[in-house]
Amino acid sequence: MVSYMIGASAERPVTKSQLAYETIKARILAGRYGPGYRLVLDQIGRELDVSAVPVREALRRLEAEELIEFERNVGARVVATDPVAYQHAMQTVAIVEGAATGLAAPLLTAETLGRARELNDRMRRSLAEFDPVAFTALNAEFHEVLFGACPNPNLVDLVQRCWTRLAAVRDSTFTSVPGRAPESVVEHERLLALIEGGGEPEEVERFARGHRMATLEAYLARER
């Protein structure tokens, strides 16, 4: 039986449907349920100690978010890797995350930048025993530390939604293009130096956007 409640508060306990939704979504985004993974209602229900009804409700929400799809005579599956969808998602992330990072740059404290540098150092150390999924998680955390200070909450929410969609169409770019990982770490250092040096928001935005597009270009070159 699951003894915790994701996102629950003392005032508003999470429902069984919400628990199922958040648990399944977290497993998809973490790569535990990879592209094409079949989601069996009864099995998930037993794991969470709930009936099939809240699991089915959760799956319908995830279908609306395009994280899963229903196939006739098969059931629910995590959406398969789609190179075109990945390209579109990365282009969108580059634009919105670049804008959010640019707006956040003047507001980033020394403590926040120190946290970002610590994450990047962990990424650099992990290159020796490369784990693409773990590296991707650290990479996402690094960028969230930077764009999270954006004063426009709508833009922050949009970036997070784009990341959810990106995770749905591909588990890790670095799995397909491992050579991109060390380049990404170097670019992170340059981005931090630009922010610490008082770079203009527009300049930071351009660099952050170019950093994302470089990852996309590496993937497309690999596909070609």
C-alpha atoms as a PDB file:
ATOM      1  CA  MET A   1       0.000   0.000   0.000  1.00  0.00           C
ATOM      2  CA  VAL A   2       1.277   3.479  -0.868  1.00  0.00           C
ATOM      3  CA  SER A   3       1.650   5.361   2.409  1.00  0.00           C
ATOM      4  CA  TYR A   4       2.397   8.801   1.017  1.00  0.00           C
ATOM      5  CA  MET A   5       0.424  11.388  -0.916  1.00  0.00           C
ATOM      6  CA  ILE A   6       2.193  13.283  -3.641  1.00  0.00           C
ATOM      7  CA  GLY A   7       1.502  16.988  -3.355  1.00  0.00           C
ATOM      8  CA  ALA A   8      -0.902  16.481  -0.467  1.00  0.00           C
ATOM      9  CA  SER A   9      -1.445  19.064   2.227  1.00  0.00           C
ATOM     10  CA  ALA A  10      -2.928  18.888   5.704  1.00  0.00           C
ATOM     11  CA  GLU A  11      -5.877  20.973   4.558  1.00  0.00           C
ATOM     12  CA  ARG A  12      -6.659  19.121   1.323  1.00  0.00           C
ATOM     13  CA  PRO A  13      -5.718  15.430   1.166  1.00  0.00           C
ATOM     14  CA  VAL A  14      -5.092  14.098  -2.297  1.00  0.00           C
ATOM     15  CA  THR A  15      -7.780  11.914  -3.869  1.00  0.00           C
ATOM     16  CA  LYS A  16      -7.120   8.380  -5.095  1.00  0.00           C
ATOM     17  CA  SER A  17      -7.469   9.592  -8.683  1.00  0.00           C
ATOM     18  CA  GLN A  18      -4.959  12.388  -8.059  1.00  0.00           C
ATOM     19  CA  LEU A  19      -2.566   9.964  -6.391  1.00  0.00           C
ATOM     20  CA  ALA A  20      -2.743   7.635  -9.373  1.00  0.00           C
ATOM     21  CA  TYR A  21      -2.317  10.519 -11.803  1.00  0.00           C
ATOM     22  CA  GLU A  22       0.715  12.004 -10.079  1.00  0.00           C
ATOM     23  CA  THR A  23       2.368   8.622  -9.508  1.00  0.00           C
ATOM     24  CA  ILE A  24       1.981   7.466 -13.118  1.00  0.00           C
ATOM     25  CA  LYS A  25       3.040  10.849 -14.483  1.00  0.00           C
ATOM     26  CA  ALA A  26       6.141  10.913 -12.284  1.00  0.00           C
ATOM     27  CA  ARG A  27       7.124   7.440 -13.492  1.00  0.00           C
ATOM     28  CA  ILE A  28       6.703   8.471 -17.126  1.00  0.00           C
ATOM     29  CA  LEU A  29       8.783  11.628 -16.699  1.00  0.00           C
ATOM     30  CA  ALA A  30      11.460   9.722 -14.772  1.00  0.00           C
ATOM     31  CA  GLY A  31      11.741   7.158 -17.557  1.00  0.00           C
ATOM     32  CA  ARG A  32      10.477   4.237 -15.469  1.00  0.00           C
ATOM     33  CA  TYR A  33       7.581   3.933 -17.901  1.00  0.00           C
ATOM     34  CA  GLY A  34       9.359   4.449 -21.215  1.00  0.00           C
ATOM     35  CA  PRO A  35       7.919   5.050 -24.695  1.00  0.00           C
ATOM     36  CA  GLY A  36       5.572   2.234 -25.664  1.00  0.00           C
ATOM     37  CA  TYR A  37       5.218   0.931 -22.100  1.00  0.00           C
ATOM     38  CA  ARG A  38       1.820  -0.713 -21.567  1.00  0.00           C
ATOM     39  CA  LEU A  39      -0.111   0.573 -18.565  1.00  0.00           C
ATOM     40  CA  VAL A  40      -2.242  -2.173 -17.005  1.00  0.00           C
ATOM     41  CA  LEU A  41      -5.044  -0.794 -14.841  1.00  0.00           C
ATOM     42  CA  ASP A  42      -5.307  -3.733 -12.441  1.00  0.00           C
ATOM     43  CA  GLN A  43      -1.558  -3.923 -11.914  1.00  0.00           C
ATOM     44  CA  ILE A  44      -1.241  -0.211 -11.158  1.00  0.00           C
ATOM     45  CA  GLY A  45      -4.314  -0.385  -8.928  1.00  0.00           C
ATOM     46  CA  ARG A  46      -2.749  -3.159  -6.858  1.00  0.00           C
ATOM     47  CA  GLU A  47       0.490  -1.218  -6.505  1.00  0.00           C
ATOM     48  CA  LEU A  48      -1.359   1.862  -5.264  1.00  0.00           C
ATOM     49  CA  ASP A  49      -4.013  -0.077  -3.328  1.00  0.00           C
ATOM     50  CA  VAL A  50      -6.860   1.542  -5.255  1.00  0.00           C
ATOM     51  CA  SER A  51      -9.554   0.246  -7.602  1.00  0.00           C
ATOM     52  CA  ALA A  52      -9.367   0.464 -11.389  1.00  0.00           C
ATOM     53  CA  VAL A  53     -11.725   3.462 -11.438  1.00  0.00           C
ATOM     54  CA  PRO A  54      -9.298   6.150 -10.155  1.00  0.00           C
ATOM     55  CA  VAL A  55      -6.518   4.645 -12.304  1.00  0.00           C
ATOM     56  CA  ARG A  56      -8.753   4.919 -15.370  1.00  0.00           C
ATOM     57  CA  GLU A  57      -9.543   8.552 -14.482  1.00  0.00           C
ATOM     58  CA  ALA A  58      -5.819   9.253 -14.129  1.00  0.00           C
ATOM     59  CA  LEU A  59      -5.082   7.704 -17.513  1.00  0.00           C
ATOM     60  CA  ARG A  60      -7.709   9.877 -19.182  1.00  0.00           C
ATOM     61  CA  ARG A  61      -6.030  12.976 -17.756  1.00  0.00           C
ATOM     62  CA  LEU A  62      -2.653  11.773 -19.002  1.00  0.00           C
ATOM     63  CA  GLU A  63      -4.158  11.087 -22.415  1.00  0.00           C
ATOM     64  CA  ALA A  64      -5.375  14.696 -22.543  1.00  0.00           C
ATOM     65  CA  GLU A  65      -1.809  15.794 -21.795  1.00  0.00           C
ATOM     66  CA  GLU A  66      -0.591  13.558 -24.648  1.00  0.00           C
ATOM     67  CA  LEU A  67       1.618  11.525 -22.347  1.00  0.00           C
ATOM     68  CA  ILE A  68      -0.225   8.302 -23.102  1.00  0.00           C
ATOM     69  CA  GLU A  69      -2.485   6.966 -25.842  1.00  0.00           C
ATOM     70  CA  PHE A  70      -5.121   4.264 -26.037  1.00  0.00           C
ATOM     71  CA  GLU A  71      -4.803   1.564 -28.682  1.00  0.00           C
ATOM     72  CA  ARG A  72      -7.666  -0.669 -29.708  1.00  0.00           C
ATOM     73  CA  ASN A  73      -7.369  -4.191 -28.278  1.00  0.00           C
ATOM     74  CA  VAL A  74      -4.206  -3.149 -26.441  1.00  0.00           C
ATOM     75  CA  GLY A  75      -5.107  -0.479 -23.907  1.00  0.00           C
ATOM     76  CA  ALA A  76      -3.078   2.425 -22.627  1.00  0.00           C
ATOM     77  CA  ARG A  77       0.536   2.909 -23.659  1.00  0.00           C
ATOM     78  CA  VAL A  78       3.095   5.633 -23.039  1.00  0.00           C
ATOM     79  CA  VAL A  79       3.399   7.573 -26.297  1.00  0.00           C
ATOM     80  CA  ALA A  80       6.134   6.303 -28.579  1.00  0.00           C
ATOM     81  CA  THR A  81       9.194   8.331 -29.501  1.00  0.00           C
ATOM     82  CA  ASP A  82       8.290  10.712 -32.331  1.00  0.00           C
ATOM     83  CA  PRO A  83      11.251  12.566 -33.928  1.00  0.00           C
ATOM     84  CA  VAL A  84       9.014  15.248 -35.480  1.00  0.00           C
ATOM     85  CA  ALA A  85       7.151  15.849 -32.224  1.00  0.00           C
ATOM     86  CA  TYR A  86      10.512  15.993 -30.434  1.00  0.00           C
ATOM     87  CA  GLN A  87      11.784  18.622 -32.860  1.00  0.00           C
ATOM     88  CA  HIS A  88       8.697  20.768 -32.349  1.00  0.00           C
ATOM     89  CA  ALA A  89       8.872  20.377 -28.571  1.00  0.00           C
ATOM     90  CA  MET A  90      12.559  21.329 -28.457  1.00  0.00           C
ATOM     91  CA  GLN A  91      11.992  24.384 -30.628  1.00  0.00           C
ATOM     92  CA  THR A  92       9.251  25.519 -28.270  1.00  0.00           C
ATOM     93  CA  VAL A  93      11.371  24.863 -25.191  1.00  0.00           C
ATOM     94  CA  ALA A  94      14.247  26.848 -26.698  1.00  0.00           C
ATOM     95  CA  ILE A  95      12.013  29.870 -27.224  1.00  0.00           C
ATOM     96  CA  VAL A  96      10.063  29.922 -23.957  1.00  0.00           C
ATOM     97  CA  GLU A  97      12.873  28.770 -21.669  1.00  0.00           C
ATOM     98  CA  GLY A  98      15.270  31.232 -23.280  1.00  0.00           C
ATOM     99  CA  ALA A  99      12.821  34.062 -22.624  1.00  0.00           C
ATOM    100  CA  ALA A 100      12.224  32.973 -19.024  1.00  0.00           C
ATOM    101  CA  THR A 101      15.960  32.644 -18.333  1.00  0.00           C
ATOM    102  CA  GLY A 102      16.610  36.098 -19.784  1.00  0.00           C
ATOM    103  CA  LEU A 103      13.966  37.690 -17.566  1.00  0.00           C
ATOM    104  CA  ALA A 104      15.238  35.757 -14.543  1.00  0.00           C
ATOM    105  CA  ALA A 105      18.919  36.654 -15.021  1.00  0.00           C
ATOM    106  CA  PRO A 106      18.901  40.052 -13.212  1.00  0.00           C
ATOM    107  CA  LEU A 107      17.093  38.478 -10.238  1.00  0.00           C
ATOM    108  CA  LEU A 108      19.383  35.494  -9.694  1.00  0.00           C
ATOM    109  CA  THR A 109      21.251  35.630  -6.396  1.00  0.00           C
ATOM    110  CA  ALA A 110      24.770  34.419  -5.724  1.00  0.00           C
ATOM    111  CA  GLU A 111      23.263  31.535  -3.756  1.00  0.00           C
ATOM    112  CA  THR A 112      21.057  30.492  -6.668  1.00  0.00           C
ATOM    113  CA  LEU A 113      23.924  30.689  -9.143  1.00  0.00           C
ATOM    114  CA  GLY A 114      26.033  28.659  -6.731  1.00  0.00           C
ATOM    115  CA  ARG A 115      23.359  25.979  -6.699  1.00  0.00           C
ATOM    116  CA  ALA A 116      23.321  25.934 -10.507  1.00  0.00           C
ATOM    117  CA  ARG A 117      27.100  25.607 -10.624  1.00  0.00           C
ATOM    118  CA  GLU A 118      26.979  22.758  -8.110  1.00  0.00           C
ATOM    119  CA  LEU A 119      24.520  20.902 -10.359  1.00  0.00           C
ATOM    120  CA  ASN A 120      26.708  21.487 -13.386  1.00  0.00           C
ATOM    121  CA  ASP A 121      29.729  20.179 -11.480  1.00  0.00           C
ATOM    122  CA  ARG A 122      27.769  17.029 -10.685  1.00  0.00           C
ATOM    123  CA  MET A 123      26.964  16.690 -14.375  1.00  0.00           C
ATOM    124  CA  ARG A 124      30.643  17.019 -15.243  1.00  0.00           C
ATOM    125  CA  ARG A 125      31.649  14.385 -12.690  1.00  0.00           C
ATOM    126  CA  SER A 126      28.971  12.014 -13.975  1.00  0.00           C
ATOM    127  CA  LEU A 127      30.465  11.989 -17.477  1.00  0.00           C
ATOM    128  CA  ALA A 128      33.002   9.339 -16.460  1.00  0.00           C
ATOM    129  CA  GLU A 129      30.232   6.797 -15.829  1.00  0.00           C
ATOM    130  CA  PHE A 130      27.632   8.218 -18.140  1.00  0.00           C
ATOM    131  CA  ASP A 131      23.996   7.615 -17.227  1.00  0.00           C
ATOM    132  CA  PRO A 132      21.848   9.477 -19.803  1.00  0.00           C
ATOM    133  CA  VAL A 133      18.668   9.409 -17.700  1.00  0.00           C
ATOM    134  CA  ALA A 134      20.421  10.724 -14.572  1.00  0.00           C
ATOM    135  CA  PHE A 135      22.300  13.306 -16.632  1.00  0.00           C
ATOM    136  CA  THR A 136      19.016  14.482 -18.167  1.00  0.00           C
ATOM    137  CA  ALA A 137      17.479  14.871 -14.709  1.00  0.00           C
ATOM    138  CA  LEU A 138      20.424  16.971 -13.520  1.00  0.00           C
ATOM    139  CA  ASN A 139      20.250  19.010 -16.707  1.00  0.00           C
ATOM    140  CA  ALA A 140      16.564  19.749 -16.174  1.00  0.00           C
ATOM    141  CA  GLU A 141      17.209  20.752 -12.556  1.00  0.00           C
ATOM    142  CA  PHE A 142      20.035  23.068 -13.629  1.00  0.00           C
ATOM    143  CA  HIS A 143      17.806  24.940 -16.042  1.00  0.00           C
ATOM    144  CA  GLU A 144      14.889  25.057 -13.626  1.00  0.00           C
ATOM    145  CA  VAL A 145      17.100  26.734 -11.030  1.00  0.00           C
ATOM    146  CA  LEU A 146      17.779  29.500 -13.566  1.00  0.00           C
ATOM    147  CA  PHE A 147      14.398  30.058 -15.208  1.00  0.00           C
ATOM    148  CA  GLY A 148      12.533  29.490 -11.918  1.00  0.00           C
ATOM    149  CA  ALA A 149      13.380  33.046 -10.844  1.00  0.00           C
ATOM    150  CA  CYS A 150      11.480  34.488 -13.823  1.00  0.00           C
ATOM    151  CA  PRO A 151       9.034  37.137 -12.519  1.00  0.00           C
ATOM    152  CA  ASN A 152       6.366  36.084 -15.032  1.00  0.00           C
ATOM    153  CA  PRO A 153       4.554  33.057 -13.522  1.00  0.00           C
ATOM    154  CA  ASN A 154       2.687  32.364 -16.757  1.00  0.00           C
ATOM    155  CA  LEU A 155       5.957  31.979 -18.618  1.00  0.00           C
ATOM    156  CA  VAL A 156       7.364  29.669 -15.942  1.00  0.00           C
ATOM    157  CA  ASP A 157       4.238  27.537 -16.151  1.00  0.00           C
ATOM    158  CA  LEU A 158       4.546  27.420 -19.939  1.00  0.00           C
ATOM    159  CA  VAL A 159       8.168  26.249 -19.719  1.00  0.00           C
ATOM    160  CA  GLN A 160       7.198  23.478 -17.320  1.00  0.00           C
ATOM    161  CA  ARG A 161       4.363  22.363 -19.596  1.00  0.00           C
ATOM    162  CA  CYS A 162       6.739  22.286 -22.539  1.00  0.00           C
ATOM    163  CA  TRP A 163       9.152  20.140 -20.546  1.00  0.00           C
ATOM    164  CA  THR A 164       6.352  17.714 -19.736  1.00  0.00           C
ATOM    165  CA  ARG A 165       5.561  17.401 -23.424  1.00  0.00           C
ATOM    166  CA  LEU A 166       9.248  17.005 -24.271  1.00  0.00           C
ATOM    167  CA  ALA A 167       9.632  14.202 -21.750  1.00  0.00           C
ATOM    168  CA  ALA A 168       6.631  12.469 -23.282  1.00  0.00           C
ATOM    169  CA  VAL A 169       8.054  12.327 -26.809  1.00  0.00           C
ATOM    170  CA  ARG A 170      11.612  11.423 -25.878  1.00  0.00           C
ATOM    171  CA  ASP A 171      13.167  10.143 -22.650  1.00  0.00           C
ATOM    172  CA  SER A 172      16.661  11.591 -23.127  1.00  0.00           C
ATOM    173  CA  THR A 173      18.422  13.359 -25.984  1.00  0.00           C
ATOM    174  CA  PHE A 174      21.720  12.327 -24.447  1.00  0.00           C
ATOM    175  CA  THR A 175      20.856   8.664 -24.994  1.00  0.00           C
ATOM    176  CA  SER A 176      20.879   9.223 -28.755  1.00  0.00           C
ATOM    177  CA  VAL A 177      23.641  11.843 -28.815  1.00  0.00           C
ATOM    178  CA  PRO A 178      25.978  11.117 -25.855  1.00  0.00           C
ATOM    179  CA  GLY A 179      28.660  13.369 -27.352  1.00  0.00           C
ATOM    180  CA  ARG A 180      26.404  16.347 -26.730  1.00  0.00           C
ATOM    181  CA  ALA A 181      26.677  15.914 -22.936  1.00  0.00           C
ATOM    182  CA  PRO A 182      30.194  17.346 -22.388  1.00  0.00           C
ATOM    183  CA  GLU A 183      29.449  20.219 -24.776  1.00  0.00           C
ATOM    184  CA  SER A 184      26.310  21.004 -22.796  1.00  0.00           C
ATOM    185  CA  VAL A 185      28.281  21.200 -19.533  1.00  0.00           C
ATOM    186  CA  VAL A 186      30.739  23.665 -21.095  1.00  0.00           C
ATOM    187  CA  GLU A 187      27.886  25.812 -22.399  1.00  0.00           C
ATOM    188  CA  HIS A 188      26.337  25.826 -18.930  1.00  0.00           C
ATOM    189  CA  GLU A 189      29.542  27.332 -17.557  1.00  0.00           C
ATOM    190  CA  ARG A 190      29.474  30.011 -20.249  1.00  0.00           C
ATOM    191  CA  LEU A 191      25.839  30.782 -19.457  1.00  0.00           C
ATOM    192  CA  LEU A 192      26.598  31.155 -15.752  1.00  0.00           C
ATOM    193  CA  ALA A 193      29.590  33.382 -16.511  1.00  0.00           C
ATOM    194  CA  LEU A 194      27.404  35.554 -18.741  1.00  0.00           C
ATOM    195  CA  ILE A 195      24.800  35.985 -16.005  1.00  0.00           C
ATOM    196  CA  GLU A 196      27.373  36.605 -13.265  1.00  0.00           C
ATOM    197  CA  GLY A 197      29.070  39.179 -15.510  1.00  0.00           C
ATOM    198  CA  GLY A 198      25.869  41.202 -15.709  1.00  0.00           C
ATOM    199  CA  GLY A 199      24.907  40.246 -19.247  1.00  0.00           C
ATOM    200  CA  GLU A 200      21.804  41.967 -20.587  1.00  0.00           C
ATOM    201  CA  PRO A 201      18.582  39.912 -20.408  1.00  0.00           C
ATOM    202  CA  GLU A 202      18.359  39.864 -24.213  1.00  0.00           C
ATOM    203  CA  GLU A 203      21.896  38.496 -24.455  1.00  0.00           C
ATOM    204  CA  VAL A 204      21.187  35.824 -21.848  1.00  0.00           C
ATOM    205  CA  GLU A 205      17.997  34.888 -23.676  1.00  0.00           C
ATOM    206  CA  ARG A 206      19.841  34.475 -26.982  1.00  0.00           C
ATOM    207  CA  PHE A 207      22.527  32.310 -25.412  1.00  0.00           C
ATOM    208  CA  ALA A 208      20.026  30.123 -23.539  1.00  0.00           C
ATOM    209  CA  ARG A 209      17.982  29.680 -26.700  1.00  0.00           C
ATOM    210  CA  GLY A 210      21.068  28.850 -28.757  1.00  0.00           C
ATOM    211  CA  HIS A 211      22.121  26.300 -26.133  1.00  0.00           C
ATOM    212  CA  ARG A 212      18.829  24.446 -26.517  1.00  0.00           C
ATOM    213  CA  MET A 213      18.913  24.661 -30.298  1.00  0.00           C
ATOM    214  CA  ALA A 214      22.444  23.234 -30.341  1.00  0.00           C
ATOM    215  CA  THR A 215      21.100  20.127 -28.596  1.00  0.00           C
ATOM    216  CA  LEU A 216      18.335  19.842 -31.166  1.00  0.00           C
ATOM    217  CA  GLU A 217      20.789  20.281 -34.049  1.00  0.00           C
ATOM    218  CA  ALA A 218      23.008  17.545 -32.630  1.00  0.00           C
ATOM    219  CA  TYR A 219      20.016  15.208 -32.481  1.00  0.00           C
ATOM    220  CA  LEU A 220      18.879  16.042 -36.022  1.00  0.00           C
ATOM    221  CA  ALA A 221      22.406  15.548 -37.350  1.00  0.00           C
ATOM    222  CA  ARG A 222      22.500  12.139 -35.659  1.00  0.00           C
ATOM    223  CA  GLU A 223      19.139  11.211 -37.210  1.00  0.00           C
ATOM    224  CA  ARG A 224      20.317  12.256 -40.662  1.00  0.00           C
END
